[in-house]
Amino acid sequence: MRAVLMRASGGPDVLYLGEYPTPTPGPGELLIRVRATSVNRADILQREGKYPPPPGASPILGLDVAGTVVALGPGVTGWQVGDRVLGLLEGGGYAEYAVLPAGMAMPIPDNLSFEEAAAIPEVFLTAYQALVWLGELQVGEQVLIHAGASGVGTAAIQLARRLGAKVHVTASAAKHEACRALGAETTIDYHREDFALRLLEASEGRGVNLILDFIGAPYLIPNLHCLASDGRIVLLATMGGSRVEPFDLRLLFAKRARLIASTLRNRSRDYKVRLTQEFAGRFLNDFAEGRLRPVIDRIYDWTEVAEAHRRMEANLNVGKIVLRVS
């Protein structure tokens, strides 16, 4: 099969379209003819040699898949050859064929294209895990979502609104309108504004109950300052740095705060199956009925994968960058 491969670790120019053995579905797995995949921060880190795939996963980049079932592994029930599916991969999406555990496959709603479907799995499952499983977001609570215009950010805004929360976001000023269109009530320009001060004003001094953070060390103390009592911070990345300057741990005690760090890719398959099935049961129909939507920044042919990576690295995207696999 054709697949996007890497000459070595490095910049976008190490990516090229080459030949790779077609995978074979094992017990409980589906073989998918990939029609679309998407670009995630994890792909960039893996390309740079900073985020190796989990043991046993495909070394090919790509955590999202949308396509059609072409073969069933032993013991698979509930799916047929020809079914349109989307799902989260441990790797292998940048290829003509990929293997997907049957329990992690979701039917593509009839109203969505393959490109739209490929913009759902990684970001919506990450957002759902952070908001619901880890953040325990409740109706009427307030949530701050950093990087609100990112793929996970645009998914989290929509899910948080569906869960009955009031949403605040940080994003560059040019992306504020897109965040408000998705349901954000407060949009903060992190380049020019003190987000902690703005959040305390927007929440009438109470602070927010939950914060989703991708920035890391530089935001820890201001996050704590705008957190409500018994609030939770879910840390999903450290894009701004990982080493925290000395600070007073009593800030955590003063808020009775919970600081939770999480990844999704290296979770067990059973965990990801349960997460997928719970999310699908609660929210997949919302895509069919228009209450949720995948947010696509730009669609590239997979031969333009290097340019797609450059766009994400430059932080130009609002929502997902999708690759059409021809």
Protein backbone atom coordinates (compact mmCIF):
# COMPACT_ATOMS: atom_id res chain seq x y z
CA MET A 1 0.00 0.00 0.00
CA ARG A 2 0.99 3.65 -0.25
CA ALA A 3 1.68 5.49 2.98
CA VAL A 4 3.29 8.68 4.24
CA LEU A 5 6.71 7.67 5.55
CA MET A 6 9.65 9.50 7.14
CA ARG A 7 13.23 9.57 5.89
CA ALA A 8 14.36 10.37 9.44
CA SER A 9 13.17 12.40 12.39
CA GLY A 10 13.00 16.09 11.63
CA GLY A 11 10.97 18.83 9.96
CA PRO A 12 8.05 18.50 7.54
CA ASP A 13 10.38 17.84 4.61
CA VAL A 14 11.26 14.37 5.98
CA LEU A 15 7.75 13.19 5.00
CA TYR A 16 7.25 11.43 1.67
CA LEU A 17 4.75 9.12 -0.02
CA GLY A 18 6.16 5.60 -0.31
CA GLU A 19 5.33 1.90 -0.11
CA TYR A 20 4.65 -0.04 3.10
CA PRO A 21 3.22 -3.52 3.81
CA THR A 22 -0.57 -3.58 4.00
CA PRO A 23 -1.68 -4.51 7.54
CA THR A 24 -3.74 -7.60 8.30
CA PRO A 25 -6.63 -7.38 10.79
CA GLY A 26 -6.23 -9.58 13.84
CA PRO A 27 -8.93 -10.91 16.16
CA GLY A 28 -11.51 -8.25 16.89
CA GLU A 29 -10.12 -5.84 14.29
CA LEU A 30 -11.32 -4.19 11.08
CA LEU A 31 -9.25 -3.43 8.01
CA ILE A 32 -10.21 0.04 6.77
CA ARG A 33 -9.66 1.56 3.35
CA VAL A 34 -8.69 5.02 4.53
CA ARG A 35 -10.40 7.90 2.76
CA ALA A 36 -9.39 10.69 5.13
CA THR A 37 -7.25 11.25 8.21
CA SER A 38 -6.16 14.38 10.05
CA VAL A 39 -3.13 16.14 11.50
CA ASN A 40 -2.64 16.18 15.26
CA ARG A 41 0.06 17.67 17.49
CA ALA A 42 1.09 14.11 18.32
CA ASP A 43 1.95 13.57 14.64
CA ILE A 44 4.30 16.54 14.70
CA LEU A 45 5.97 15.39 17.90
CA GLN A 46 6.37 11.86 16.52
CA ARG A 47 7.82 13.25 13.29
CA GLU A 48 10.35 15.19 15.37
CA GLY A 49 11.33 12.05 17.28
CA LYS A 50 9.81 13.28 20.56
CA TYR A 51 6.73 11.03 20.85
CA PRO A 52 7.26 7.41 19.80
CA PRO A 53 4.18 5.27 19.17
CA PRO A 54 3.10 2.84 21.91
CA PRO A 55 4.49 -0.71 21.75
CA GLY A 56 2.79 -2.69 18.99
CA ALA A 57 1.30 0.36 17.26
CA SER A 58 1.95 1.19 13.62
CA PRO A 59 4.99 3.44 13.15
CA ILE A 60 3.06 5.37 10.49
CA LEU A 61 1.68 8.74 11.58
CA GLY A 62 -2.05 9.35 11.97
CA LEU A 63 -4.44 8.93 14.91
CA ASP A 64 -7.72 9.51 13.05
CA VAL A 65 -9.33 7.36 10.40
CA ALA A 66 -12.44 7.66 8.25
CA GLY A 67 -13.11 5.15 5.50
CA THR A 68 -14.82 1.90 4.57
CA VAL A 69 -14.48 -1.59 6.01
CA VAL A 70 -12.76 -3.93 3.53
CA ALA A 71 -12.10 -6.97 5.77
CA LEU A 72 -13.12 -8.36 9.16
CA GLY A 73 -10.70 -9.99 11.56
CA PRO A 74 -11.61 -13.23 13.38
CA GLY A 75 -14.49 -12.89 15.82
CA VAL A 76 -15.77 -9.53 14.59
CA THR A 77 -19.53 -9.09 14.70
CA GLY A 78 -21.76 -6.08 14.13
CA TRP A 79 -19.83 -4.76 11.12
CA GLN A 80 -19.91 -5.60 7.43
CA VAL A 81 -17.62 -5.03 4.49
CA GLY A 82 -18.59 -1.69 2.94
CA ASP A 83 -19.63 0.00 6.20
CA ARG A 84 -18.49 3.62 6.56
CA VAL A 85 -16.64 4.04 9.84
CA LEU A 86 -14.58 6.53 11.79
CA GLY A 87 -12.33 5.86 14.73
CA LEU A 88 -9.29 6.61 16.87
CA LEU A 89 -6.04 4.84 16.01
CA GLU A 90 -2.83 4.26 17.94
CA GLY A 91 -1.09 5.05 14.63
CA GLY A 92 -1.28 4.29 10.93
CA GLY A 93 -3.81 6.80 9.60
CA TYR A 94 -1.53 8.32 6.93
CA ALA A 95 -1.93 5.26 4.69
CA GLU A 96 -4.26 3.64 2.18
CA TYR A 97 -5.21 0.94 4.72
CA ALA A 98 -5.30 0.88 8.51
CA VAL A 99 -6.34 -1.59 11.20
CA LEU A 100 -8.96 -0.39 13.69
CA PRO A 101 -10.22 -2.32 16.73
CA ALA A 102 -13.89 -3.06 16.09
CA GLY A 103 -14.84 -1.71 19.52
CA MET A 104 -13.28 1.64 18.67
CA ALA A 105 -15.14 2.02 15.37
CA MET A 106 -18.13 4.34 15.06
CA PRO A 107 -20.54 4.53 12.12
CA ILE A 108 -20.19 7.71 10.08
CA PRO A 109 -23.47 9.65 10.18
CA ASP A 110 -25.06 9.78 6.73
CA ASN A 111 -24.81 13.57 6.55
CA LEU A 112 -21.02 13.64 7.02
CA SER A 113 -18.32 13.24 4.39
CA PHE A 114 -15.19 11.18 5.03
CA GLU A 115 -13.26 14.42 5.52
CA GLU A 116 -15.72 15.67 8.13
CA ALA A 117 -15.71 12.28 9.88
CA ALA A 118 -11.91 12.28 10.07
CA ALA A 119 -12.07 15.52 12.06
CA ILE A 120 -13.97 13.87 14.92
CA PRO A 121 -12.23 10.95 16.69
CA GLU A 122 -9.06 12.24 18.36
CA VAL A 123 -10.27 15.70 19.33
CA PHE A 124 -13.78 14.82 20.48
CA LEU A 125 -12.67 11.77 22.43
CA THR A 126 -9.86 13.76 24.05
CA ALA A 127 -12.28 16.55 24.92
CA TYR A 128 -14.89 14.13 26.26
CA GLN A 129 -12.32 12.33 28.41
CA ALA A 130 -11.04 15.64 29.80
CA LEU A 131 -14.44 17.22 30.46
CA VAL A 132 -16.43 14.23 31.66
CA TRP A 133 -14.20 11.38 32.84
CA LEU A 134 -11.44 13.50 34.37
CA GLY A 135 -12.93 16.96 34.83
CA GLU A 136 -16.34 15.75 36.06
CA LEU A 137 -18.00 18.82 34.53
CA GLN A 138 -21.50 19.45 35.87
CA VAL A 139 -24.48 21.40 34.57
CA GLY A 140 -24.18 25.06 35.51
CA GLU A 141 -20.43 25.01 36.08
CA GLN A 142 -17.93 27.28 34.35
CA VAL A 143 -15.01 26.02 32.28
CA LEU A 144 -11.93 27.74 30.86
CA ILE A 145 -10.57 26.15 27.68
CA HIS A 146 -7.11 27.28 26.67
CA ALA A 147 -6.24 27.13 22.95
CA GLY A 148 -9.94 27.40 22.24
CA ALA A 149 -9.51 27.46 18.46
CA SER A 150 -7.43 24.28 18.33
CA GLY A 151 -8.91 20.96 17.27
CA VAL A 152 -9.49 19.80 20.84
CA GLY A 153 -10.51 23.33 21.84
CA THR A 154 -13.26 23.59 19.22
CA ALA A 155 -14.54 20.15 20.21
CA ALA A 156 -14.43 20.99 23.93
CA ILE A 157 -16.35 24.25 23.49
CA GLN A 158 -19.21 22.39 21.82
CA LEU A 159 -19.27 19.49 24.27
CA ALA A 160 -19.10 21.77 27.30
CA ARG A 161 -22.07 23.73 26.01
CA ARG A 162 -24.00 20.51 25.39
CA LEU A 163 -23.19 19.51 28.97
CA GLY A 164 -24.75 22.73 30.26
CA ALA A 165 -21.60 24.65 31.21
CA LYS A 166 -20.64 28.28 30.69
CA VAL A 167 -17.56 28.41 28.45
CA HIS A 168 -14.62 30.81 28.49
CA VAL A 169 -11.64 30.47 26.15
CA THR A 170 -8.23 31.88 25.42
CA ALA A 171 -7.20 32.28 21.79
CA SER A 172 -5.50 34.82 19.54
CA ALA A 173 -7.81 37.73 18.69
CA ALA A 174 -8.28 36.68 15.07
CA LYS A 175 -9.85 33.41 16.25
CA HIS A 176 -12.33 34.85 18.75
CA GLU A 177 -15.26 35.06 16.37
CA ALA A 178 -14.94 31.37 15.49
CA CYS A 179 -14.88 30.44 19.20
CA ARG A 180 -17.96 32.54 19.95
CA ALA A 181 -19.80 30.94 17.03
CA LEU A 182 -19.24 27.57 18.70
CA GLY A 183 -20.62 28.75 22.04
CA ALA A 184 -17.83 30.47 23.98
CA GLU A 185 -19.22 33.33 26.07
CA THR A 186 -15.91 34.93 27.02
CA THR A 187 -12.99 35.13 24.57
CA ILE A 188 -9.61 36.32 25.85
CA ASP A 189 -6.61 37.35 23.75
CA TYR A 190 -3.77 35.62 25.56
CA HIS A 191 -1.22 37.78 23.74
CA ARG A 192 -2.51 41.02 25.23
CA GLU A 193 -4.76 40.25 28.19
CA ASP A 194 -4.32 38.83 31.68
CA PHE A 195 -6.60 35.81 31.37
CA ALA A 196 -6.82 35.22 35.13
CA LEU A 197 -8.02 38.79 35.71
CA ARG A 198 -10.55 38.56 32.86
CA LEU A 199 -11.87 35.24 34.14
CA LEU A 200 -12.37 36.57 37.65
CA GLU A 201 -14.29 39.51 36.17
CA ALA A 202 -16.40 37.26 33.93
CA SER A 203 -17.21 34.92 36.82
CA GLU A 204 -17.96 37.78 39.25
CA GLY A 205 -15.02 36.77 41.40
CA ARG A 206 -16.02 33.13 41.85
CA GLY A 207 -13.55 31.64 39.41
CA VAL A 208 -14.05 28.70 37.07
CA ASN A 209 -14.73 25.13 38.12
CA LEU A 210 -12.68 23.41 35.44
CA ILE A 211 -9.71 24.38 33.27
CA LEU A 212 -8.46 22.47 30.22
CA ASP A 213 -4.84 23.42 29.69
CA PHE A 214 -2.42 22.59 26.86
CA ILE A 215 0.21 25.20 27.74
CA GLY A 216 1.68 23.84 30.96
CA ALA A 217 4.23 25.54 33.20
CA PRO A 218 3.65 29.24 32.34
CA TYR A 219 -0.08 28.92 33.04
CA LEU A 220 -0.02 26.94 36.29
CA ILE A 221 -0.06 29.85 38.74
CA PRO A 222 -2.54 32.05 36.81
CA ASN A 223 -4.74 28.97 36.38
CA LEU A 224 -4.79 28.50 40.14
CA HIS A 225 -5.60 32.17 40.72
CA CYS A 226 -8.74 31.98 38.55
CA LEU A 227 -9.85 28.55 39.80
CA ALA A 228 -12.90 28.26 42.05
CA SER A 229 -12.81 26.32 45.30
CA ASP A 230 -12.78 22.55 44.65
CA GLY A 231 -11.84 23.31 41.05
CA ARG A 232 -10.06 20.97 38.67
CA ILE A 233 -7.25 21.56 36.17
CA VAL A 234 -6.84 18.94 33.46
CA LEU A 235 -3.41 19.22 31.85
CA LEU A 236 -3.31 17.73 28.35
CA ALA A 237 0.00 19.08 26.99
CA THR A 238 2.95 21.30 27.87
CA MET A 239 3.27 23.38 24.71
CA GLY A 240 4.58 26.37 26.69
CA GLY A 241 7.06 24.42 28.79
CA SER A 242 7.18 21.71 31.44
CA ARG A 243 9.36 23.13 34.23
CA VAL A 244 7.56 25.21 36.84
CA GLU A 245 9.38 27.97 38.71
CA PRO A 246 9.21 27.58 42.52
CA PHE A 247 5.77 28.41 43.83
CA ASP A 248 3.85 28.07 47.05
CA LEU A 249 1.99 24.75 47.21
CA ARG A 250 -0.47 26.39 49.58
CA LEU A 251 -2.14 27.82 46.45
CA LEU A 252 -3.40 24.30 45.78
CA PHE A 253 -4.65 23.87 49.32
CA ALA A 254 -6.34 27.29 49.35
CA LYS A 255 -8.52 26.19 46.43
CA ARG A 256 -8.71 22.50 47.39
CA ALA A 257 -7.61 22.14 43.77
CA ARG A 258 -7.11 18.98 41.77
CA LEU A 259 -4.36 18.96 39.14
CA ILE A 260 -4.82 16.05 36.71
CA ALA A 261 -2.39 15.24 33.89
CA SER A 262 -3.52 12.89 31.15
CA THR A 263 -2.76 11.46 27.74
CA LEU A 264 -4.99 9.25 25.60
CA ARG A 265 -2.77 7.52 23.05
CA ASN A 266 -0.96 5.28 25.53
CA ARG A 267 -4.11 4.23 27.41
CA SER A 268 -5.11 0.59 27.22
CA ARG A 269 -7.28 -0.61 24.36
CA ASP A 270 -10.03 -1.53 26.81
CA TYR A 271 -10.03 2.04 28.15
CA LYS A 272 -10.30 3.50 24.65
CA VAL A 273 -13.06 1.07 23.69
CA ARG A 274 -15.09 2.10 26.74
CA LEU A 275 -14.44 5.78 26.06
CA THR A 276 -15.43 5.44 22.40
CA GLN A 277 -18.62 3.54 23.12
CA GLU A 278 -19.74 5.90 25.89
CA PHE A 279 -19.07 8.96 23.74
CA ALA A 280 -20.85 7.42 20.73
CA GLY A 281 -23.84 6.47 22.85
CA ARG A 282 -24.20 9.98 24.23
CA PHE A 283 -23.18 12.24 21.37
CA LEU A 284 -22.73 10.55 17.97
CA ASN A 285 -26.34 11.25 17.02
CA ASP A 286 -25.73 14.94 17.71
CA PHE A 287 -23.56 15.09 14.59
CA ALA A 288 -26.37 13.61 12.52
CA GLU A 289 -28.82 16.17 13.89
CA GLY A 290 -26.50 19.17 13.69
CA ARG A 291 -26.06 19.87 17.41
CA LEU A 292 -22.34 19.07 17.15
CA ARG A 293 -20.14 19.55 14.13
CA PRO A 294 -16.56 18.81 13.18
CA VAL A 295 -14.67 22.06 12.66
CA ILE A 296 -12.38 21.85 9.64
CA ASP A 297 -9.74 24.48 9.03
CA ARG A 298 -8.45 23.16 5.69
CA ILE A 299 -8.42 19.97 3.64
CA TYR A 300 -5.19 18.93 1.93
CA ASP A 301 -4.51 16.06 -0.42
CA TRP A 302 -2.17 13.70 1.42
CA THR A 303 0.56 14.46 -1.12
CA GLU A 304 0.61 17.92 0.52
CA VAL A 305 1.21 16.50 4.01
CA ALA A 306 4.34 18.59 4.61
CA GLU A 307 2.40 21.80 3.97
CA ALA A 308 -0.36 20.60 6.30
CA HIS A 309 2.20 20.06 9.06
CA ARG A 310 3.67 23.52 8.48
CA ARG A 311 0.24 25.11 8.87
CA MET A 312 -0.30 23.44 12.25
CA GLU A 313 3.21 24.31 13.42
CA ALA A 314 2.51 27.96 12.60
CA ASN A 315 -0.69 27.84 14.71
CA LEU A 316 -2.73 29.15 11.79
CA ASN A 317 -5.54 26.62 12.02
CA VAL A 318 -8.99 27.02 13.54
CA GLY A 319 -10.14 23.46 14.12
CA LYS A 320 -8.83 20.42 12.28
CA ILE A 321 -6.44 20.08 9.37
CA VAL A 322 -7.62 17.10 7.32
CA LEU A 323 -5.76 14.94 4.79
CA ARG A 324 -7.73 13.39 1.93
CA VAL A 325 -6.25 9.98 1.13
CA SER A 326 -6.62 9.40 -2.62
